[in-house]
């Protein structure tokens, strides 16, 4: 069982930056693919970014490429989402998700779909004012 706890959300102005953190309970953090998703009011949840320890390339949604950076600190069992140049349309609840990888997935790109992740955090709210 993997437990995820997000933090770092808040209210900012357009153009500001925020860094979200997601701490995982999994002792074998290195086996996890980690993803960030978001859900804006009245909209479906969408994938934002995803990362693995090794193998594959980090994934970014087109809407956040060049502004958001996903990273992980295996020593702290934590994944981060650095969000720069925030826009009002980035306003959403942000969720961290984890997938325990099986060996054949180790070298592939990180999963992107919501249904590929089995563990979810409680979410953290990000509000960007114009």
C-alpha atoms as a PDB file:
ATOM      1  CA  UNK A   1       0.000   0.000   0.000  1.00  0.00           C
ATOM      2  CA  UNK A   2       1.362   3.371  -1.016  1.00  0.00           C
ATOM      3  CA  UNK A   3       0.248   6.477   0.808  1.00  0.00           C
ATOM      4  CA  UNK A   4       0.727   9.864  -0.810  1.00  0.00           C
ATOM      5  CA  UNK A   5       0.542  13.265   0.833  1.00  0.00           C
ATOM      6  CA  UNK A   6       0.596  16.428  -1.255  1.00  0.00           C
ATOM      7  CA  UNK A   7       1.484  19.890  -0.056  1.00  0.00           C
ATOM      8  CA  UNK A   8       2.394  23.279  -1.450  1.00  0.00           C
ATOM      9  CA  UNK A   9      -0.830  24.519  -2.978  1.00  0.00           C
ATOM     10  CA  UNK A  10      -2.137  27.997  -2.423  1.00  0.00           C
ATOM     11  CA  UNK A  11      -3.382  31.248  -3.871  1.00  0.00           C
ATOM     12  CA  UNK A  12      -1.012  33.120  -6.161  1.00  0.00           C
ATOM     13  CA  UNK A  13      -1.158  35.734  -8.868  1.00  0.00           C
ATOM     14  CA  UNK A  14      -0.643  35.135 -12.554  1.00  0.00           C
ATOM     15  CA  UNK A  15       3.051  34.893 -13.346  1.00  0.00           C
ATOM     16  CA  UNK A  16       3.983  33.617  -9.904  1.00  0.00           C
ATOM     17  CA  UNK A  17       5.531  30.256  -9.065  1.00  0.00           C
ATOM     18  CA  UNK A  18       4.595  27.422  -6.743  1.00  0.00           C
ATOM     19  CA  UNK A  19       6.216  24.120  -5.906  1.00  0.00           C
ATOM     20  CA  UNK A  20       4.041  21.168  -5.055  1.00  0.00           C
ATOM     21  CA  UNK A  21       5.434  18.253  -3.091  1.00  0.00           C
ATOM     22  CA  UNK A  22       4.224  14.687  -2.797  1.00  0.00           C
ATOM     23  CA  UNK A  23       5.661  12.442  -0.122  1.00  0.00           C
ATOM     24  CA  UNK A  24       5.241   8.705  -0.598  1.00  0.00           C
ATOM     25  CA  UNK A  25       5.199   6.063   2.093  1.00  0.00           C
ATOM     26  CA  UNK A  26       6.543   3.342  -0.157  1.00  0.00           C
ATOM     27  CA  UNK A  27       9.872   1.994   1.027  1.00  0.00           C
ATOM     28  CA  UNK A  28      10.726   1.043  -2.521  1.00  0.00           C
ATOM     29  CA  UNK A  29      10.131   4.516  -3.922  1.00  0.00           C
ATOM     30  CA  UNK A  30      12.508   3.819  -6.779  1.00  0.00           C
ATOM     31  CA  UNK A  31      10.029   1.298  -8.228  1.00  0.00           C
ATOM     32  CA  UNK A  32       7.299   3.882  -8.504  1.00  0.00           C
ATOM     33  CA  UNK A  33       6.228   5.911 -11.465  1.00  0.00           C
ATOM     34  CA  UNK A  34       4.894   9.198 -10.145  1.00  0.00           C
ATOM     35  CA  UNK A  35       2.429  11.483 -11.821  1.00  0.00           C
ATOM     36  CA  UNK A  36       0.705  14.779 -11.238  1.00  0.00           C
ATOM     37  CA  UNK A  37      -2.872  15.294 -12.343  1.00  0.00           C
ATOM     38  CA  UNK A  38      -5.225  18.209 -11.950  1.00  0.00           C
ATOM     39  CA  UNK A  39      -8.945  18.798 -11.978  1.00  0.00           C
ATOM     40  CA  UNK A  40     -10.421  22.204 -12.562  1.00  0.00           C
ATOM     41  CA  UNK A  41     -13.973  23.032 -11.460  1.00  0.00           C
ATOM     42  CA  UNK A  42     -16.470  21.455 -13.809  1.00  0.00           C
ATOM     43  CA  UNK A  43     -13.811  19.640 -15.793  1.00  0.00           C
ATOM     44  CA  UNK A  44     -12.410  16.131 -15.930  1.00  0.00           C
ATOM     45  CA  UNK A  45      -9.139  15.282 -14.276  1.00  0.00           C
ATOM     46  CA  UNK A  46      -6.209  15.582 -16.645  1.00  0.00           C
ATOM     47  CA  UNK A  47      -2.618  14.460 -16.657  1.00  0.00           C
ATOM     48  CA  UNK A  48      -0.034  17.179 -16.059  1.00  0.00           C
ATOM     49  CA  UNK A  49       3.337  15.444 -15.721  1.00  0.00           C
ATOM     50  CA  UNK A  50       4.874  12.072 -14.921  1.00  0.00           C
ATOM     51  CA  UNK A  51       8.294  10.697 -14.087  1.00  0.00           C
ATOM     52  CA  UNK A  52      10.180   7.507 -13.323  1.00  0.00           C
ATOM     53  CA  UNK A  53      13.528   7.034 -11.636  1.00  0.00           C
ATOM     54  CA  UNK A  54      15.210   5.574 -14.693  1.00  0.00           C
ATOM     55  CA  UNK A  55      14.091   4.750 -18.197  1.00  0.00           C
ATOM     56  CA  UNK A  56      11.822   6.779 -20.382  1.00  0.00           C
ATOM     57  CA  UNK A  57      11.438  10.515 -20.532  1.00  0.00           C
ATOM     58  CA  UNK A  58       9.424  12.720 -18.190  1.00  0.00           C
ATOM     59  CA  UNK A  59       5.999  13.478 -19.577  1.00  0.00           C
ATOM     60  CA  UNK A  60       4.412  16.921 -19.711  1.00  0.00           C
ATOM     61  CA  UNK A  61       1.037  17.958 -20.975  1.00  0.00           C
ATOM     62  CA  UNK A  62       1.278  20.441 -23.829  1.00  0.00           C
ATOM     63  CA  UNK A  63      -0.423  23.082 -21.699  1.00  0.00           C
ATOM     64  CA  UNK A  64       2.415  23.090 -19.147  1.00  0.00           C
ATOM     65  CA  UNK A  65       5.505  22.370 -21.260  1.00  0.00           C
ATOM     66  CA  UNK A  66       8.217  24.920 -20.630  1.00  0.00           C
ATOM     67  CA  UNK A  67       6.536  26.170 -17.446  1.00  0.00           C
ATOM     68  CA  UNK A  68       6.276  23.132 -15.175  1.00  0.00           C
ATOM     69  CA  UNK A  69       9.058  20.755 -14.132  1.00  0.00           C
ATOM     70  CA  UNK A  70       8.592  17.409 -12.439  1.00  0.00           C
ATOM     71  CA  UNK A  71      11.419  15.996 -10.363  1.00  0.00           C
ATOM     72  CA  UNK A  72      11.983  13.452  -7.632  1.00  0.00           C
ATOM     73  CA  UNK A  73      14.209  13.055  -4.609  1.00  0.00           C
ATOM     74  CA  UNK A  74      14.550   9.372  -3.890  1.00  0.00           C
ATOM     75  CA  UNK A  75      16.336   9.981  -0.617  1.00  0.00           C
ATOM     76  CA  UNK A  76      13.207  11.781   0.616  1.00  0.00           C
ATOM     77  CA  UNK A  77      10.629   9.596  -1.175  1.00  0.00           C
ATOM     78  CA  UNK A  78       9.268  12.811  -2.629  1.00  0.00           C
ATOM     79  CA  UNK A  79       8.258  14.045  -6.055  1.00  0.00           C
ATOM     80  CA  UNK A  80       7.937  17.726  -6.872  1.00  0.00           C
ATOM     81  CA  UNK A  81       6.090  19.816  -9.404  1.00  0.00           C
ATOM     82  CA  UNK A  82       7.713  23.187  -9.918  1.00  0.00           C
ATOM     83  CA  UNK A  83       5.177  25.472 -11.529  1.00  0.00           C
ATOM     84  CA  UNK A  84       6.405  28.722 -13.044  1.00  0.00           C
ATOM     85  CA  UNK A  85       4.639  31.447 -14.990  1.00  0.00           C
ATOM     86  CA  UNK A  86       1.317  30.340 -13.581  1.00  0.00           C
ATOM     87  CA  UNK A  87      -1.835  31.256 -15.442  1.00  0.00           C
ATOM     88  CA  UNK A  88      -5.440  31.505 -14.252  1.00  0.00           C
ATOM     89  CA  UNK A  89      -6.210  28.403 -16.318  1.00  0.00           C
ATOM     90  CA  UNK A  90      -3.821  26.445 -14.098  1.00  0.00           C
ATOM     91  CA  UNK A  91      -6.322  26.831 -11.274  1.00  0.00           C
ATOM     92  CA  UNK A  92      -7.303  23.339 -10.152  1.00  0.00           C
ATOM     93  CA  UNK A  93      -6.982  20.703  -7.488  1.00  0.00           C
ATOM     94  CA  UNK A  94      -3.682  18.945  -8.068  1.00  0.00           C
ATOM     95  CA  UNK A  95      -3.289  15.274  -7.297  1.00  0.00           C
ATOM     96  CA  UNK A  96      -0.220  13.127  -6.942  1.00  0.00           C
ATOM     97  CA  UNK A  97      -0.446   9.537  -8.148  1.00  0.00           C
ATOM     98  CA  UNK A  98       1.784   6.480  -8.014  1.00  0.00           C
ATOM     99  CA  UNK A  99       2.119   3.249  -9.920  1.00  0.00           C
ATOM    100  CA  UNK A 100       4.243   0.355  -8.797  1.00  0.00           C
ATOM    101  CA  UNK A 101       6.156  -0.651 -11.889  1.00  0.00           C
ATOM    102  CA  UNK A 102       6.642  -4.213 -13.034  1.00  0.00           C
ATOM    103  CA  UNK A 103       9.995  -5.156 -14.576  1.00  0.00           C
ATOM    104  CA  UNK A 104       8.876  -4.888 -18.206  1.00  0.00           C
ATOM    105  CA  UNK A 105       7.877  -1.271 -17.549  1.00  0.00           C
ATOM    106  CA  UNK A 106      11.224  -0.183 -16.162  1.00  0.00           C
ATOM    107  CA  UNK A 107      12.585   1.145 -19.442  1.00  0.00           C
ATOM    108  CA  UNK A 108       9.403   2.566 -20.934  1.00  0.00           C
ATOM    109  CA  UNK A 109       8.086   6.112 -20.652  1.00  0.00           C
ATOM    110  CA  UNK A 110       6.132   6.885 -17.500  1.00  0.00           C
ATOM    111  CA  UNK A 111       2.397   6.194 -17.626  1.00  0.00           C
ATOM    112  CA  UNK A 112       0.181   9.105 -18.506  1.00  0.00           C
ATOM    113  CA  UNK A 113      -3.367   7.923 -18.100  1.00  0.00           C
ATOM    114  CA  UNK A 114      -5.364   8.239 -14.931  1.00  0.00           C
ATOM    115  CA  UNK A 115      -6.353   4.569 -15.034  1.00  0.00           C
ATOM    116  CA  UNK A 116      -2.701   3.500 -15.030  1.00  0.00           C
ATOM    117  CA  UNK A 117      -2.199   4.768 -11.503  1.00  0.00           C
ATOM    118  CA  UNK A 118      -3.403   2.834  -8.497  1.00  0.00           C
ATOM    119  CA  UNK A 119      -2.552   5.171  -5.642  1.00  0.00           C
ATOM    120  CA  UNK A 120      -3.692   8.751  -5.166  1.00  0.00           C
ATOM    121  CA  UNK A 121      -3.136  11.573  -2.748  1.00  0.00           C
ATOM    122  CA  UNK A 122      -5.865  13.719  -1.291  1.00  0.00           C
ATOM    123  CA  UNK A 123      -5.117  16.680  -3.533  1.00  0.00           C
ATOM    124  CA  UNK A 124      -3.941  20.216  -2.971  1.00  0.00           C
ATOM    125  CA  UNK A 125      -5.667  23.301  -4.315  1.00  0.00           C
ATOM    126  CA  UNK A 126      -3.943  25.817  -6.552  1.00  0.00           C
ATOM    127  CA  UNK A 127      -5.681  29.085  -7.351  1.00  0.00           C
ATOM    128  CA  UNK A 128      -4.152  31.564  -9.769  1.00  0.00           C
ATOM    129  CA  UNK A 129      -5.711  34.994  -9.861  1.00  0.00           C
ATOM    130  CA  UNK A 130      -5.448  37.287 -12.859  1.00  0.00           C
END
